[in-house]
């Protein structure tokens, strides 16, 4: 699912205000070496944290029905994970980086909730919407100064973009066969024959 979220995020960032601008979207680690190799404007979306959102966890299971509306399998509800991206702009001047970040912010803000129809592959087939949070306060995530320090790079303006996505809980379980006969009750006397 992570690669599908990357695909969605790349499509969102390169669309909107950046449509036709020829700005590359990268998911590479924005290390000092990577930054030194940049020779064109780029938006980097570095996935720096993955955590389960336990507040969205559900218990139990749901029936998976066939084309005759008969439950044939049982499926546990998906688990929800927050994928946190550090989104930065890389150009030759800080002013251009700020313009680029502003364009990314303007592009992402209208997309706080993505419907299943907007999602690719198995992620879309789950039939669930995905929440996109842009530049909100951090709760459990690592501090940005720690992230930049771990990357060996200097602190730089960035957007914290969190995409909360469902991840299927495997495996599915076979359901018992459907009941096809009516209910009957049989009584038996302690010392006598069986009576219908």
N, C-alpha and C. Protein backbone atom coordinates (compact mmCIF):
# COMPACT_ATOMS: atom_id res chain seq x y z
N UNK A 1 0.81 -1.21 0.00
CA UNK A 1 0.00 0.00 0.00
C UNK A 1 0.85 1.27 0.00
N UNK A 2 2.05 1.19 0.55
CA UNK A 2 2.87 2.39 0.64
C UNK A 2 3.20 2.94 -0.75
N UNK A 3 3.56 2.07 -1.67
CA UNK A 3 3.89 2.54 -3.03
C UNK A 3 2.67 3.17 -3.71
N UNK A 4 1.47 2.69 -3.37
CA UNK A 4 0.26 3.29 -3.94
C UNK A 4 0.02 4.68 -3.37
N UNK A 5 0.32 4.86 -2.08
CA UNK A 5 0.20 6.19 -1.48
C UNK A 5 1.22 7.13 -2.11
N UNK A 6 2.45 6.63 -2.37
CA UNK A 6 3.44 7.44 -3.07
C UNK A 6 2.89 7.91 -4.42
N UNK A 7 2.26 7.00 -5.14
CA UNK A 7 1.70 7.31 -6.45
C UNK A 7 0.61 8.39 -6.34
N UNK A 8 -0.26 8.26 -5.35
CA UNK A 8 -1.32 9.24 -5.14
C UNK A 8 -0.71 10.60 -4.80
N UNK A 9 0.24 10.60 -3.88
CA UNK A 9 0.86 11.86 -3.46
C UNK A 9 1.60 12.54 -4.62
N UNK A 10 2.29 11.75 -5.42
CA UNK A 10 3.00 12.31 -6.57
C UNK A 10 2.01 12.94 -7.55
N UNK A 11 0.88 12.26 -7.79
CA UNK A 11 -0.14 12.80 -8.68
C UNK A 11 -0.74 14.09 -8.16
N UNK A 12 -0.98 14.16 -6.84
CA UNK A 12 -1.54 15.37 -6.26
C UNK A 12 -0.55 16.53 -6.35
N UNK A 13 0.70 16.27 -5.95
CA UNK A 13 1.70 17.35 -5.92
C UNK A 13 2.00 17.87 -7.32
N UNK A 14 2.13 16.98 -8.29
CA UNK A 14 2.48 17.43 -9.64
C UNK A 14 1.27 17.99 -10.39
N UNK A 15 0.09 17.87 -9.83
CA UNK A 15 -1.11 18.46 -10.43
C UNK A 15 -1.38 19.82 -9.80
N UNK A 16 -2.57 20.30 -9.96
CA UNK A 16 -2.96 21.56 -9.34
C UNK A 16 -2.11 22.73 -9.78
N UNK A 17 -1.56 23.47 -8.82
CA UNK A 17 -0.79 24.68 -9.12
C UNK A 17 0.51 24.38 -9.87
N UNK A 18 0.97 23.13 -9.84
CA UNK A 18 2.23 22.79 -10.51
C UNK A 18 2.02 22.11 -11.86
N UNK A 19 0.79 22.02 -12.33
CA UNK A 19 0.52 21.38 -13.61
C UNK A 19 1.31 22.06 -14.73
N UNK A 20 2.04 21.26 -15.48
CA UNK A 20 2.81 21.77 -16.61
C UNK A 20 4.07 22.52 -16.24
N UNK A 21 4.43 22.58 -14.95
CA UNK A 21 5.62 23.32 -14.53
C UNK A 21 6.90 22.51 -14.72
N UNK A 22 6.76 21.22 -14.97
CA UNK A 22 7.94 20.38 -15.17
C UNK A 22 8.74 20.14 -13.91
N UNK A 23 8.09 20.28 -12.76
CA UNK A 23 8.77 20.07 -11.48
C UNK A 23 8.75 18.57 -11.16
N UNK A 24 9.91 18.03 -10.88
CA UNK A 24 10.03 16.62 -10.54
C UNK A 24 9.58 16.41 -9.09
N UNK A 25 8.98 15.25 -8.82
CA UNK A 25 8.61 14.86 -7.46
C UNK A 25 9.45 13.63 -7.11
N UNK A 26 10.21 13.74 -6.03
CA UNK A 26 11.13 12.68 -5.64
C UNK A 26 10.75 12.13 -4.27
N UNK A 27 11.05 10.85 -4.04
CA UNK A 27 10.82 10.22 -2.75
C UNK A 27 12.15 9.78 -2.13
N UNK A 28 13.26 10.29 -2.67
CA UNK A 28 14.58 9.92 -2.17
C UNK A 28 14.82 10.51 -0.78
N UNK A 29 15.80 9.94 -0.09
CA UNK A 29 16.22 10.49 1.20
C UNK A 29 16.91 11.83 0.92
N UNK A 30 16.43 12.94 1.49
CA UNK A 30 17.03 14.25 1.20
C UNK A 30 18.31 14.48 2.00
N UNK A 31 19.30 13.64 1.77
CA UNK A 31 20.58 13.77 2.47
C UNK A 31 21.39 14.90 1.84
N UNK A 32 22.51 15.22 2.47
CA UNK A 32 23.39 16.27 1.95
C UNK A 32 23.92 15.89 0.56
N UNK A 33 24.27 14.62 0.36
CA UNK A 33 24.76 14.16 -0.94
C UNK A 33 23.69 14.28 -2.02
N UNK A 34 22.45 13.87 -1.66
CA UNK A 34 21.34 13.97 -2.62
C UNK A 34 21.12 15.43 -3.01
N UNK A 35 21.13 16.33 -2.02
CA UNK A 35 20.90 17.76 -2.29
C UNK A 35 21.98 18.32 -3.20
N UNK A 36 23.22 17.86 -3.04
CA UNK A 36 24.32 18.36 -3.86
C UNK A 36 24.18 17.95 -5.33
N UNK A 37 23.50 16.84 -5.59
CA UNK A 37 23.32 16.36 -6.97
C UNK A 37 22.15 17.02 -7.69
N UNK A 38 21.34 17.79 -7.01
CA UNK A 38 20.18 18.44 -7.62
C UNK A 38 20.62 19.56 -8.54
N UNK A 39 20.16 19.54 -9.78
CA UNK A 39 20.47 20.64 -10.69
C UNK A 39 19.21 21.23 -11.32
N UNK A 40 18.04 20.79 -10.86
CA UNK A 40 16.77 21.33 -11.34
C UNK A 40 15.81 21.38 -10.16
N UNK A 41 14.79 22.23 -10.22
CA UNK A 41 13.83 22.30 -9.12
C UNK A 41 13.15 20.95 -8.89
N UNK A 42 12.98 20.60 -7.63
CA UNK A 42 12.35 19.34 -7.28
C UNK A 42 11.59 19.49 -5.98
N UNK A 43 10.47 18.77 -5.88
CA UNK A 43 9.75 18.65 -4.62
C UNK A 43 10.06 17.25 -4.10
N UNK A 44 10.52 17.19 -2.86
CA UNK A 44 10.86 15.90 -2.26
C UNK A 44 9.81 15.56 -1.21
N UNK A 45 9.29 14.34 -1.28
CA UNK A 45 8.33 13.84 -0.28
C UNK A 45 8.97 12.63 0.37
N UNK A 46 9.68 12.87 1.45
CA UNK A 46 10.42 11.81 2.15
C UNK A 46 9.53 11.16 3.21
N UNK A 47 9.29 9.88 3.08
CA UNK A 47 8.50 9.13 4.06
C UNK A 47 9.38 8.89 5.29
N UNK A 48 9.08 9.60 6.38
CA UNK A 48 9.95 9.52 7.55
C UNK A 48 9.32 8.78 8.72
N UNK A 49 8.02 8.46 8.66
CA UNK A 49 7.41 7.80 9.81
C UNK A 49 6.17 7.02 9.38
N UNK A 50 6.01 5.82 9.96
CA UNK A 50 4.83 4.98 9.72
C UNK A 50 4.34 4.50 11.08
N UNK A 51 3.08 4.83 11.40
CA UNK A 51 2.51 4.42 12.70
C UNK A 51 1.05 4.02 12.51
N UNK A 52 0.64 3.04 13.30
CA UNK A 52 -0.77 2.66 13.26
C UNK A 52 -1.59 3.71 14.02
N UNK A 53 -2.74 4.05 13.48
CA UNK A 53 -3.68 4.93 14.16
C UNK A 53 -4.64 4.02 14.93
N UNK A 54 -4.28 3.72 16.17
CA UNK A 54 -5.07 2.75 16.95
C UNK A 54 -6.46 3.26 17.28
N UNK A 55 -6.68 4.56 17.18
CA UNK A 55 -8.02 5.09 17.44
C UNK A 55 -9.02 4.64 16.38
N UNK A 56 -8.52 4.20 15.22
CA UNK A 56 -9.40 3.75 14.14
C UNK A 56 -9.54 2.22 14.09
N UNK A 57 -8.88 1.52 14.99
CA UNK A 57 -8.92 0.06 14.97
C UNK A 57 -10.31 -0.44 15.35
N UNK A 58 -10.79 -1.41 14.59
CA UNK A 58 -12.10 -2.02 14.85
C UNK A 58 -11.92 -3.50 15.15
N UNK A 59 -12.83 -4.04 15.88
CA UNK A 59 -12.80 -5.47 16.23
C UNK A 59 -13.86 -6.21 15.43
N UNK A 60 -13.79 -7.54 15.51
CA UNK A 60 -14.80 -8.36 14.84
C UNK A 60 -14.42 -8.68 13.42
N UNK A 61 -15.43 -9.02 12.63
CA UNK A 61 -15.21 -9.33 11.22
C UNK A 61 -16.50 -9.07 10.44
N UNK A 62 -16.33 -8.94 9.15
CA UNK A 62 -17.48 -8.68 8.26
C UNK A 62 -17.58 -9.82 7.26
N UNK A 63 -18.79 -10.06 6.80
CA UNK A 63 -19.01 -11.11 5.81
C UNK A 63 -18.68 -10.65 4.41
N UNK A 64 -18.02 -11.51 3.64
CA UNK A 64 -17.75 -11.26 2.23
C UNK A 64 -18.76 -12.07 1.45
N UNK A 65 -19.59 -11.42 0.67
CA UNK A 65 -20.70 -12.09 -0.01
C UNK A 65 -20.37 -12.37 -1.47
N UNK A 66 -20.94 -13.45 -1.98
CA UNK A 66 -20.77 -13.77 -3.40
C UNK A 66 -21.90 -13.13 -4.20
N UNK A 67 -21.99 -13.45 -5.49
CA UNK A 67 -23.00 -12.81 -6.34
C UNK A 67 -24.42 -13.23 -6.01
N UNK A 68 -24.59 -14.27 -5.19
CA UNK A 68 -25.93 -14.68 -4.75
C UNK A 68 -26.28 -14.10 -3.38
N UNK A 69 -25.40 -13.20 -2.87
CA UNK A 69 -25.56 -12.55 -1.58
C UNK A 69 -25.44 -13.53 -0.41
N UNK A 70 -24.62 -14.56 -0.60
CA UNK A 70 -24.37 -15.54 0.47
C UNK A 70 -22.98 -15.25 1.02
N UNK A 71 -22.87 -15.24 2.34
CA UNK A 71 -21.57 -15.01 2.98
C UNK A 71 -20.70 -16.24 2.76
N UNK A 72 -19.57 -16.04 2.08
CA UNK A 72 -18.67 -17.14 1.77
C UNK A 72 -17.34 -17.05 2.53
N UNK A 73 -17.01 -15.85 2.99
CA UNK A 73 -15.76 -15.67 3.74
C UNK A 73 -15.99 -14.63 4.83
N UNK A 74 -15.12 -14.64 5.81
CA UNK A 74 -15.13 -13.63 6.87
C UNK A 74 -13.83 -12.85 6.80
N UNK A 75 -13.94 -11.55 6.93
CA UNK A 75 -12.77 -10.67 6.82
C UNK A 75 -12.71 -9.74 8.02
N UNK A 76 -11.53 -9.63 8.59
CA UNK A 76 -11.35 -8.68 9.68
C UNK A 76 -11.28 -7.26 9.11
N UNK A 77 -11.68 -6.26 9.87
CA UNK A 77 -11.60 -4.89 9.36
C UNK A 77 -10.14 -4.50 9.13
N UNK A 78 -9.89 -3.57 8.21
CA UNK A 78 -8.51 -3.16 7.95
C UNK A 78 -7.92 -2.43 9.15
N UNK A 79 -6.60 -2.43 9.22
CA UNK A 79 -5.88 -1.62 10.20
C UNK A 79 -5.52 -0.32 9.49
N UNK A 80 -5.49 0.78 10.21
CA UNK A 80 -5.23 2.09 9.62
C UNK A 80 -3.85 2.59 10.05
N UNK A 81 -3.07 3.06 9.06
CA UNK A 81 -1.73 3.54 9.32
C UNK A 81 -1.56 4.96 8.83
N UNK A 82 -0.80 5.75 9.63
CA UNK A 82 -0.46 7.12 9.25
C UNK A 82 0.92 7.11 8.62
N UNK A 83 0.99 7.48 7.35
CA UNK A 83 2.26 7.60 6.65
C UNK A 83 2.62 9.09 6.64
N UNK A 84 3.71 9.45 7.30
CA UNK A 84 4.10 10.85 7.43
C UNK A 84 5.24 11.18 6.48
N UNK A 85 5.02 12.19 5.66
CA UNK A 85 6.00 12.62 4.67
C UNK A 85 6.51 14.01 5.02
N UNK A 86 7.82 14.19 4.88
CA UNK A 86 8.45 15.49 5.03
C UNK A 86 8.57 16.06 3.61
N UNK A 87 7.74 17.04 3.27
CA UNK A 87 7.70 17.58 1.90
C UNK A 87 8.51 18.88 1.87
N UNK A 88 9.53 18.88 1.02
CA UNK A 88 10.41 20.04 0.90
C UNK A 88 10.57 20.42 -0.57
N UNK A 89 10.94 21.68 -0.78
CA UNK A 89 11.21 22.19 -2.13
C UNK A 89 12.70 22.47 -2.24
N UNK A 90 13.27 22.10 -3.38
CA UNK A 90 14.71 22.26 -3.60
C UNK A 90 14.93 23.04 -4.89
N UNK A 91 15.39 24.27 -4.74
CA UNK A 91 15.74 25.12 -5.89
C UNK A 91 17.04 25.84 -5.54
N UNK A 92 17.40 26.83 -6.33
CA UNK A 92 18.66 27.57 -6.09
C UNK A 92 18.49 28.70 -5.08
N UNK A 93 17.26 29.23 -4.91
CA UNK A 93 17.06 30.35 -3.97
C UNK A 93 15.95 30.03 -2.98
N UNK A 94 16.06 30.56 -1.75
CA UNK A 94 15.00 30.34 -0.76
C UNK A 94 13.64 30.88 -1.22
N UNK A 95 13.64 31.99 -1.95
CA UNK A 95 12.37 32.56 -2.41
C UNK A 95 11.66 31.60 -3.36
N UNK A 96 12.40 30.99 -4.27
CA UNK A 96 11.79 30.02 -5.18
C UNK A 96 11.29 28.79 -4.42
N UNK A 97 12.03 28.37 -3.41
CA UNK A 97 11.59 27.23 -2.59
C UNK A 97 10.29 27.57 -1.88
N UNK A 98 10.18 28.79 -1.37
CA UNK A 98 8.96 29.21 -0.68
C UNK A 98 7.78 29.26 -1.64
N UNK A 99 8.02 29.74 -2.87
CA UNK A 99 6.95 29.75 -3.88
C UNK A 99 6.49 28.33 -4.19
N UNK A 100 7.46 27.45 -4.33
CA UNK A 100 7.16 26.05 -4.64
C UNK A 100 6.39 25.38 -3.49
N UNK A 101 6.82 25.62 -2.27
CA UNK A 101 6.09 25.07 -1.11
C UNK A 101 4.68 25.64 -1.03
N UNK A 102 4.54 26.92 -1.34
CA UNK A 102 3.22 27.55 -1.34
C UNK A 102 2.31 26.89 -2.37
N UNK A 103 2.86 26.58 -3.55
CA UNK A 103 2.08 25.91 -4.59
C UNK A 103 1.68 24.50 -4.15
N UNK A 104 2.59 23.80 -3.49
CA UNK A 104 2.27 22.46 -2.98
C UNK A 104 1.17 22.54 -1.92
N UNK A 105 1.28 23.49 -1.02
CA UNK A 105 0.27 23.67 0.02
C UNK A 105 -1.09 23.98 -0.60
N UNK A 106 -1.13 24.88 -1.58
CA UNK A 106 -2.39 25.23 -2.25
C UNK A 106 -2.97 24.03 -3.00
N UNK A 107 -2.10 23.18 -3.48
CA UNK A 107 -2.56 21.99 -4.22
C UNK A 107 -3.12 20.92 -3.29
N UNK A 108 -2.48 20.72 -2.14
CA UNK A 108 -2.88 19.63 -1.24
C UNK A 108 -4.08 19.96 -0.35
N UNK A 109 -4.23 21.22 0.05
CA UNK A 109 -5.30 21.57 0.99
C UNK A 109 -6.71 21.17 0.54
N UNK A 110 -7.07 21.30 -0.74
CA UNK A 110 -8.43 20.89 -1.14
C UNK A 110 -8.64 19.37 -1.14
N UNK A 111 -7.59 18.60 -0.91
CA UNK A 111 -7.69 17.14 -1.01
C UNK A 111 -7.55 16.48 0.36
N UNK A 112 -8.31 16.96 1.33
CA UNK A 112 -8.22 16.39 2.68
C UNK A 112 -8.83 14.99 2.78
N UNK A 113 -9.72 14.68 1.90
CA UNK A 113 -10.35 13.36 1.90
C UNK A 113 -10.41 12.85 0.47
N UNK A 114 -9.75 11.73 0.23
CA UNK A 114 -9.73 11.13 -1.11
C UNK A 114 -10.67 9.94 -1.12
N UNK A 115 -11.59 9.92 -2.06
CA UNK A 115 -12.54 8.82 -2.15
C UNK A 115 -11.86 7.59 -2.75
N UNK A 116 -12.47 6.44 -2.59
CA UNK A 116 -11.91 5.19 -3.12
C UNK A 116 -11.73 5.26 -4.63
N UNK A 117 -12.59 6.00 -5.33
CA UNK A 117 -12.49 6.12 -6.78
C UNK A 117 -11.23 6.88 -7.21
N UNK A 118 -10.67 7.68 -6.32
CA UNK A 118 -9.46 8.45 -6.63
C UNK A 118 -8.18 7.69 -6.32
N UNK A 119 -8.31 6.47 -5.80
CA UNK A 119 -7.15 5.71 -5.34
C UNK A 119 -6.84 4.56 -6.30
N UNK A 120 -5.58 4.25 -6.50
CA UNK A 120 -5.20 3.20 -7.46
C UNK A 120 -5.24 1.80 -6.85
N UNK A 121 -5.35 0.81 -7.73
CA UNK A 121 -5.16 -0.60 -7.41
C UNK A 121 -5.89 -1.11 -6.18
N UNK A 122 -5.23 -1.98 -5.42
CA UNK A 122 -5.85 -2.59 -4.24
C UNK A 122 -6.31 -1.57 -3.21
N UNK A 123 -5.62 -0.44 -3.13
CA UNK A 123 -6.03 0.59 -2.18
C UNK A 123 -7.42 1.11 -2.52
N UNK A 124 -7.69 1.34 -3.80
CA UNK A 124 -9.02 1.79 -4.23
C UNK A 124 -10.07 0.71 -4.10
N UNK A 125 -9.66 -0.55 -4.33
CA UNK A 125 -10.63 -1.66 -4.27
C UNK A 125 -11.13 -1.93 -2.85
N UNK A 126 -10.43 -1.41 -1.84
CA UNK A 126 -10.94 -1.56 -0.47
C UNK A 126 -12.24 -0.79 -0.27
N UNK A 127 -12.47 0.21 -1.13
CA UNK A 127 -13.73 0.98 -1.06
C UNK A 127 -13.79 1.96 0.09
N UNK A 128 -12.64 2.34 0.63
CA UNK A 128 -12.60 3.25 1.78
C UNK A 128 -11.91 4.55 1.40
N UNK A 129 -12.33 5.64 2.02
CA UNK A 129 -11.70 6.94 1.78
C UNK A 129 -10.41 7.05 2.57
N UNK A 130 -9.52 7.91 2.09
CA UNK A 130 -8.22 8.12 2.71
C UNK A 130 -8.13 9.58 3.16
N UNK A 131 -7.63 9.79 4.37
CA UNK A 131 -7.51 11.12 4.95
C UNK A 131 -6.11 11.67 4.69
N UNK A 132 -6.04 12.92 4.18
CA UNK A 132 -4.76 13.60 3.95
C UNK A 132 -4.73 14.83 4.85
N UNK A 133 -3.73 14.88 5.72
CA UNK A 133 -3.57 16.01 6.64
C UNK A 133 -2.31 16.76 6.27
N UNK A 134 -2.43 18.07 6.14
CA UNK A 134 -1.29 18.88 5.70
C UNK A 134 -0.94 19.89 6.78
N UNK A 135 0.34 19.87 7.19
CA UNK A 135 0.91 20.87 8.11
C UNK A 135 0.14 21.01 9.41
N UNK A 136 -0.31 19.89 9.96
CA UNK A 136 -0.98 19.96 11.26
C UNK A 136 0.06 19.78 12.35
N UNK A 137 -0.34 19.98 13.60
CA UNK A 137 0.59 19.82 14.72
C UNK A 137 1.03 18.38 14.86
N UNK A 138 2.25 18.19 15.32
CA UNK A 138 2.77 16.84 15.52
C UNK A 138 2.28 16.31 16.86
N UNK A 139 2.01 15.02 16.89
CA UNK A 139 1.67 14.40 18.16
C UNK A 139 2.75 13.39 18.53
N UNK A 140 2.71 12.22 17.90
CA UNK A 140 3.68 11.18 18.21
C UNK A 140 4.89 11.21 17.28
N UNK A 141 4.79 11.92 16.19
CA UNK A 141 5.86 11.90 15.19
C UNK A 141 7.14 12.50 15.76
N UNK A 142 8.25 12.08 15.19
CA UNK A 142 9.54 12.63 15.60
C UNK A 142 9.61 14.11 15.26
N UNK A 143 10.42 14.84 16.00
CA UNK A 143 10.57 16.27 15.70
C UNK A 143 11.35 16.41 14.39
N UNK A 144 11.06 17.47 13.66
CA UNK A 144 11.72 17.68 12.38
C UNK A 144 13.21 17.91 12.54
N UNK A 145 13.61 18.56 13.63
CA UNK A 145 15.04 18.78 13.87
C UNK A 145 15.75 17.43 14.00
N UNK A 146 15.11 16.46 14.66
CA UNK A 146 15.70 15.12 14.79
C UNK A 146 15.79 14.43 13.43
N UNK A 147 14.76 14.61 12.61
CA UNK A 147 14.77 13.99 11.27
C UNK A 147 15.91 14.57 10.44
N UNK A 148 16.01 15.90 10.42
CA UNK A 148 17.07 16.53 9.64
C UNK A 148 18.44 16.15 10.16
N UNK A 149 18.58 16.07 11.46
CA UNK A 149 19.86 15.68 12.05
C UNK A 149 20.22 14.25 11.65
N UNK A 150 19.25 13.35 11.67
CA UNK A 150 19.49 11.96 11.27
C UNK A 150 19.86 11.87 9.79
N UNK A 151 19.35 12.77 8.98
CA UNK A 151 19.65 12.77 7.55
C UNK A 151 21.00 13.42 7.24
N UNK A 152 21.59 14.06 8.25
CA UNK A 152 22.87 14.73 8.02
C UNK A 152 22.74 15.98 7.18
N UNK A 153 21.60 16.64 7.29
CA UNK A 153 21.35 17.83 6.49
C UNK A 153 20.90 18.97 7.40
N UNK A 154 20.88 20.18 6.87
CA UNK A 154 20.45 21.34 7.64
C UNK A 154 18.93 21.45 7.63
N UNK A 155 18.40 22.02 8.71
CA UNK A 155 16.96 22.24 8.82
C UNK A 155 16.51 23.15 7.70
N UNK A 156 15.34 22.83 7.13
CA UNK A 156 14.85 23.55 5.96
C UNK A 156 13.33 23.63 6.06
N UNK A 157 12.69 24.68 5.48
CA UNK A 157 11.23 24.77 5.52
C UNK A 157 10.59 23.53 4.88
N UNK A 158 9.55 23.03 5.51
CA UNK A 158 8.92 21.81 5.02
C UNK A 158 7.46 21.76 5.44
N UNK A 159 6.73 20.90 4.74
CA UNK A 159 5.35 20.61 5.10
C UNK A 159 5.29 19.18 5.62
N UNK A 160 4.57 18.99 6.70
CA UNK A 160 4.34 17.65 7.20
C UNK A 160 3.02 17.17 6.61
N UNK A 161 3.09 16.17 5.75
CA UNK A 161 1.90 15.63 5.09
C UNK A 161 1.69 14.20 5.60
N UNK A 162 0.53 13.98 6.18
CA UNK A 162 0.21 12.65 6.71
C UNK A 162 -0.98 12.08 5.95
N UNK A 163 -0.80 10.87 5.45
CA UNK A 163 -1.86 10.17 4.72
C UNK A 163 -2.24 8.97 5.58
N UNK A 164 -3.50 8.91 5.99
CA UNK A 164 -3.98 7.81 6.82
C UNK A 164 -4.71 6.82 5.93
N UNK A 165 -4.13 5.62 5.83
CA UNK A 165 -4.62 4.63 4.87
C UNK A 165 -4.98 3.32 5.54
N UNK A 166 -5.98 2.61 4.96
CA UNK A 166 -6.31 1.27 5.47
C UNK A 166 -5.34 0.24 4.90
N UNK A 167 -5.02 -0.73 5.71
CA UNK A 167 -4.19 -1.84 5.27
C UNK A 167 -4.96 -3.11 5.60
N UNK A 168 -5.23 -3.95 4.61
CA UNK A 168 -6.06 -5.14 4.86
C UNK A 168 -5.46 -6.03 5.95
N UNK A 169 -6.32 -6.55 6.80
CA UNK A 169 -5.90 -7.50 7.84
C UNK A 169 -6.08 -8.89 7.27
N UNK A 170 -4.99 -9.63 7.12
CA UNK A 170 -5.04 -10.96 6.53
C UNK A 170 -4.96 -12.00 7.62
N UNK A 171 -5.37 -13.21 7.43
CA UNK A 171 -6.05 -13.72 6.23
C UNK A 171 -7.56 -13.62 6.37
N UNK A 172 -8.27 -13.85 5.25
CA UNK A 172 -9.72 -14.03 5.30
C UNK A 172 -9.98 -15.45 5.78
N UNK A 173 -11.14 -15.66 6.36
CA UNK A 173 -11.50 -16.99 6.85
C UNK A 173 -12.73 -17.49 6.11
N UNK A 174 -12.73 -18.80 5.78
CA UNK A 174 -13.90 -19.39 5.13
C UNK A 174 -15.08 -19.36 6.10
N UNK A 175 -16.24 -19.07 5.55
CA UNK A 175 -17.47 -19.11 6.35
C UNK A 175 -18.05 -20.51 6.25
N UNK A 176 -18.81 -20.88 7.24
CA UNK A 176 -19.47 -22.18 7.20
C UNK A 176 -20.48 -22.21 6.07
N UNK A 177 -20.90 -23.40 5.67
CA UNK A 177 -21.87 -23.48 4.57
C UNK A 177 -23.20 -22.84 4.99
N UNK A 178 -23.92 -22.30 4.02
CA UNK A 178 -25.20 -21.67 4.36
C UNK A 178 -26.22 -22.72 4.79
N UNK A 179 -27.14 -22.32 5.63
CA UNK A 179 -28.22 -23.20 6.08
C UNK A 179 -29.23 -23.32 4.94
N UNK A 180 -29.53 -24.56 4.54
CA UNK A 180 -30.45 -24.77 3.41
C UNK A 180 -31.73 -25.48 3.82
N UNK A 181 -31.78 -26.00 5.03
CA UNK A 181 -32.97 -26.70 5.49
C UNK A 181 -33.62 -25.91 6.60
N UNK A 182 -34.92 -26.11 6.74
CA UNK A 182 -35.64 -25.48 7.83
C UNK A 182 -35.26 -26.11 9.15
N UNK A 183 -35.62 -25.45 10.22
CA UNK A 183 -35.30 -25.95 11.54
C UNK A 183 -36.30 -27.04 11.94
N UNK A 184 -35.81 -28.06 12.60
CA UNK A 184 -36.70 -29.10 13.13
C UNK A 184 -36.27 -29.41 14.55
N UNK A 185 -37.26 -29.84 15.34
CA UNK A 185 -37.00 -30.18 16.73
C UNK A 185 -37.36 -31.65 16.92
N UNK A 186 -36.46 -32.38 17.54
CA UNK A 186 -36.72 -33.79 17.81
C UNK A 186 -36.72 -34.00 19.32
N UNK A 187 -37.74 -34.71 19.79
CA UNK A 187 -37.84 -35.02 21.21
C UNK A 187 -37.66 -36.49 21.43
N UNK A 188 -37.10 -36.84 22.53
CA UNK A 188 -36.89 -38.24 22.80
C UNK A 188 -37.21 -38.48 24.27
N UNK A 189 -38.01 -39.48 24.49
CA UNK A 189 -38.33 -39.85 25.85
C UNK A 189 -37.13 -40.60 26.42
N UNK A 190 -37.00 -40.54 27.72
CA UNK A 190 -35.87 -41.19 28.35
C UNK A 190 -35.90 -42.69 28.10
N UNK A 191 -37.06 -43.25 28.10
CA UNK A 191 -37.15 -44.71 27.92
C UNK A 191 -37.98 -45.11 26.72
N UNK A 192 -38.27 -44.17 25.83
CA UNK A 192 -39.14 -44.50 24.72
C UNK A 192 -38.49 -44.20 23.37
N UNK A 193 -39.25 -44.44 22.28
CA UNK A 193 -38.73 -44.20 20.93
C UNK A 193 -38.69 -42.69 20.62
N UNK A 194 -37.97 -42.36 19.58
CA UNK A 194 -37.86 -40.98 19.11
C UNK A 194 -39.16 -40.58 18.46
N UNK A 195 -39.67 -39.38 18.77
CA UNK A 195 -40.92 -38.89 18.17
C UNK A 195 -40.64 -37.59 17.43
N UNK A 196 -41.14 -37.48 16.19
CA UNK A 196 -40.93 -36.24 15.44
C UNK A 196 -41.77 -35.11 15.98
